[in-house]
Amino acid sequence: MEKIRCGWCEKDDLYRKYHDEEWGRPVYDDETIFEFLILESFQAGLSWYTILSKRDNFRKAFDHFDYKKIATYSEKKIEELMDDSGIIRNRLKILSAITNAQKFMEIQKEFGSFSKYIWSFIEGKPIDNSPEKLSDVPATTEVSDRISRELKKRGFKFVGSTVIYAHMQATGMVNDHLKSCFVRK
């Protein structure tokens, strides 16, 4: 019997694997949360597929998303990243990754972990929207608006509400798998 998936992921095996194994599954470890935060911020204005297809390149280029290393990147490293055709070569987004790594660690210091902080916006429990069809899935919500505002106040960059909502979906803070999707079952 063929698996019924959310329609957005049927482009190819890369998308299906991401949908089947990662998207919408709750993530509580800071390392993975940070990886998705960086990837989502690079996605701003682009398709998620573009980012996903370059994910391994991003991992190599950004030291496997080691936020402690990224927080200390030098101008030399920034230039290396700008020359790396395997990633999105946008100086503002690269600089934002450095800033966001620094701010990420500030939140860790204050709350014990970034995970505790980000999940506190939804009291630690995933929001289940149970959408019937793709058009039922929002691009932003009041919660993503609030998280975006709070992160911006703390100095984060490229964390608009749409980016944050996509991050919430990716890390399972919100479950937007369609009711008919086999993952939901």
Protein backbone atom coordinates (compact mmCIF):
# COMPACT_ATOMS: atom_id res chain seq x y z
CA MET A 1 0.00 0.00 0.00
CA GLU A 2 1.31 3.43 -0.92
CA LYS A 3 2.04 5.89 1.88
CA ILE A 4 -0.06 9.04 1.92
CA ARG A 5 2.07 12.08 2.69
CA CYS A 6 1.64 15.83 2.93
CA GLY A 7 1.53 16.95 -0.69
CA TRP A 8 4.40 19.45 -0.43
CA CYS A 9 7.02 16.71 -0.02
CA GLU A 10 6.35 14.65 -3.14
CA LYS A 11 8.99 16.44 -5.26
CA ASP A 12 11.66 13.74 -4.80
CA ASP A 13 13.29 11.30 -2.35
CA LEU A 14 15.23 14.04 -0.52
CA TYR A 15 12.01 15.86 0.33
CA ARG A 16 10.14 12.64 1.20
CA LYS A 17 12.94 11.47 3.52
CA TYR A 18 13.01 14.85 5.29
CA HIS A 19 9.20 14.79 5.65
CA ASP A 20 9.07 11.17 6.80
CA GLU A 21 11.97 11.28 9.28
CA GLU A 22 12.33 14.85 10.57
CA TRP A 23 9.67 17.43 9.79
CA GLY A 24 7.20 17.91 12.61
CA ARG A 25 9.00 15.64 15.06
CA PRO A 26 9.73 17.35 18.40
CA VAL A 27 13.38 18.38 18.83
CA TYR A 28 14.69 19.29 22.27
CA ASP A 29 18.47 19.28 21.84
CA ASP A 30 20.09 22.67 21.37
CA GLU A 31 22.41 21.51 18.59
CA THR A 32 19.60 20.44 16.26
CA ILE A 33 17.46 23.45 17.19
CA PHE A 34 20.38 25.72 16.28
CA GLU A 35 20.97 23.91 12.98
CA PHE A 36 17.34 24.47 11.97
CA LEU A 37 17.45 28.08 13.14
CA ILE A 38 20.43 28.75 10.85
CA LEU A 39 18.98 26.82 7.92
CA GLU A 40 15.62 28.55 8.26
CA SER A 41 17.27 31.97 8.41
CA PHE A 42 19.17 31.20 5.20
CA GLN A 43 15.88 30.12 3.63
CA ALA A 44 14.34 33.60 3.99
CA GLY A 45 13.23 34.55 0.48
CA LEU A 46 14.16 31.14 -0.96
CA SER A 47 12.56 27.70 -1.12
CA TRP A 48 13.13 25.17 1.63
CA TYR A 49 14.08 22.67 -1.07
CA THR A 50 17.03 24.89 -2.07
CA ILE A 51 18.29 24.88 1.52
CA LEU A 52 17.62 21.19 2.09
CA SER A 53 19.56 20.24 -1.06
CA LYS A 54 22.54 22.24 0.25
CA ARG A 55 22.25 21.03 3.85
CA ASP A 56 25.36 18.84 3.78
CA ASN A 57 27.36 21.70 2.27
CA PHE A 58 26.07 24.00 5.02
CA ARG A 59 27.11 21.46 7.65
CA LYS A 60 30.67 21.34 6.30
CA ALA A 61 30.93 25.09 5.75
CA PHE A 62 29.53 25.97 9.19
CA ASP A 63 31.52 23.46 11.26
CA HIS A 64 28.54 21.12 11.67
CA PHE A 65 26.57 24.04 13.15
CA ASP A 66 28.83 24.26 16.19
CA TYR A 67 27.44 27.53 17.55
CA LYS A 68 30.47 28.02 19.84
CA LYS A 69 32.74 28.07 16.78
CA ILE A 70 30.34 30.08 14.63
CA ALA A 71 30.09 32.76 17.32
CA THR A 72 33.81 33.44 16.89
CA TYR A 73 34.08 33.45 13.10
CA SER A 74 36.67 35.88 11.78
CA GLU A 75 36.60 38.04 8.66
CA LYS A 76 38.79 35.40 6.99
CA LYS A 77 36.17 32.72 7.69
CA ILE A 78 33.41 35.02 6.42
CA GLU A 79 35.32 35.44 3.16
CA GLU A 80 35.75 31.65 2.89
CA LEU A 81 31.99 31.27 3.28
CA MET A 82 31.37 33.99 0.66
CA ASP A 83 33.54 31.97 -1.75
CA ASP A 84 31.75 28.66 -1.02
CA SER A 85 29.41 27.92 -3.93
CA GLY A 86 27.90 25.01 -1.99
CA ILE A 87 25.94 27.35 0.30
CA ILE A 88 23.86 30.51 -0.05
CA ARG A 89 26.48 33.24 -0.33
CA ASN A 90 24.67 36.13 1.26
CA ARG A 91 26.89 38.28 3.50
CA LEU A 92 24.00 39.51 5.66
CA LYS A 93 22.81 35.96 6.29
CA ILE A 94 26.35 34.77 7.07
CA LEU A 95 26.81 37.66 9.50
CA SER A 96 23.42 36.87 11.03
CA ALA A 97 24.53 33.26 11.65
CA ILE A 98 27.43 34.62 13.71
CA THR A 99 25.22 37.06 15.62
CA ASN A 100 22.55 34.40 16.17
CA ALA A 101 25.15 31.96 17.53
CA GLN A 102 26.27 34.60 20.04
CA LYS A 103 22.68 35.41 21.07
CA PHE A 104 21.83 31.70 21.21
CA MET A 105 24.56 31.19 23.83
CA GLU A 106 23.32 34.20 25.81
CA ILE A 107 19.90 32.57 26.03
CA GLN A 108 21.50 29.26 27.05
CA LYS A 109 23.28 31.05 29.89
CA GLU A 110 20.08 32.74 31.02
CA PHE A 111 17.68 29.76 30.73
CA GLY A 112 19.97 26.73 31.03
CA SER A 113 19.29 25.75 27.42
CA PHE A 114 17.87 27.35 24.31
CA SER A 115 15.41 24.46 24.13
CA LYS A 116 13.88 25.42 27.49
CA TYR A 117 13.53 29.00 26.29
CA ILE A 118 11.97 28.31 22.88
CA TRP A 119 9.64 25.56 24.10
CA SER A 120 8.43 27.78 26.96
CA PHE A 121 6.45 29.81 24.42
CA ILE A 122 4.14 26.80 24.00
CA GLU A 123 4.50 25.39 27.53
CA GLY A 124 6.70 22.53 26.29
CA LYS A 125 3.91 20.80 24.38
CA PRO A 126 3.61 20.68 20.57
CA ILE A 127 0.69 22.51 18.99
CA ASP A 128 -1.34 20.12 16.84
CA ASN A 129 -3.24 21.94 14.11
CA SER A 130 -4.60 18.78 12.41
CA PRO A 131 -4.96 20.44 8.99
CA GLU A 132 -7.23 18.79 6.43
CA LYS A 133 -5.42 20.29 3.40
CA LEU A 134 -2.27 22.28 2.67
CA SER A 135 -4.23 25.53 2.41
CA ASP A 136 -5.20 25.10 6.09
CA VAL A 137 -1.54 25.45 7.14
CA PRO A 138 -0.69 29.03 8.13
CA ALA A 139 2.56 30.86 7.29
CA THR A 140 2.56 32.62 10.66
CA THR A 141 0.64 32.52 13.93
CA GLU A 142 0.33 34.67 17.03
CA VAL A 143 2.93 32.42 18.68
CA SER A 144 5.44 32.78 15.82
CA ASP A 145 4.81 36.54 15.88
CA ARG A 146 5.59 36.61 19.60
CA ILE A 147 8.73 34.44 19.35
CA SER A 148 9.96 36.54 16.42
CA ARG A 149 9.48 39.78 18.37
CA GLU A 150 11.25 38.38 21.43
CA LEU A 151 14.21 37.03 19.44
CA LYS A 152 14.57 40.34 17.59
CA LYS A 153 14.55 42.20 20.93
CA ARG A 154 17.41 39.94 21.99
CA GLY A 155 19.37 40.85 18.83
CA PHE A 156 18.67 37.86 16.56
CA LYS A 157 18.62 38.51 12.80
CA PHE A 158 16.55 36.95 9.96
CA VAL A 159 13.96 35.67 12.43
CA GLY A 160 10.74 37.08 11.02
CA SER A 161 7.48 35.38 11.91
CA THR A 162 7.43 33.26 8.73
CA VAL A 163 10.96 32.00 9.40
CA ILE A 164 10.04 31.25 13.00
CA TYR A 165 6.85 29.41 12.04
CA ALA A 166 8.84 27.27 9.59
CA HIS A 167 11.32 26.61 12.41
CA MET A 168 8.47 25.59 14.70
CA GLN A 169 7.24 23.14 12.04
CA ALA A 170 10.71 21.73 11.40
CA THR A 171 11.42 21.16 15.10
CA GLY A 172 8.00 19.74 15.94
CA MET A 173 6.85 22.65 18.07
CA VAL A 174 3.85 22.56 15.77
CA ASN A 175 2.49 19.50 13.99
CA ASP A 176 1.15 20.52 10.59
CA HIS A 177 1.10 17.05 9.05
CA LEU A 178 -2.19 16.69 7.23
CA LYS A 179 -4.80 14.46 8.87
CA SER A 180 -4.40 12.01 5.98
CA CYS A 181 -0.59 11.83 6.29
CA PHE A 182 0.87 8.52 7.44
CA VAL A 183 3.37 10.33 9.71
CA ARG A 184 0.51 11.69 11.81
CA LYS A 185 -0.70 8.14 12.36
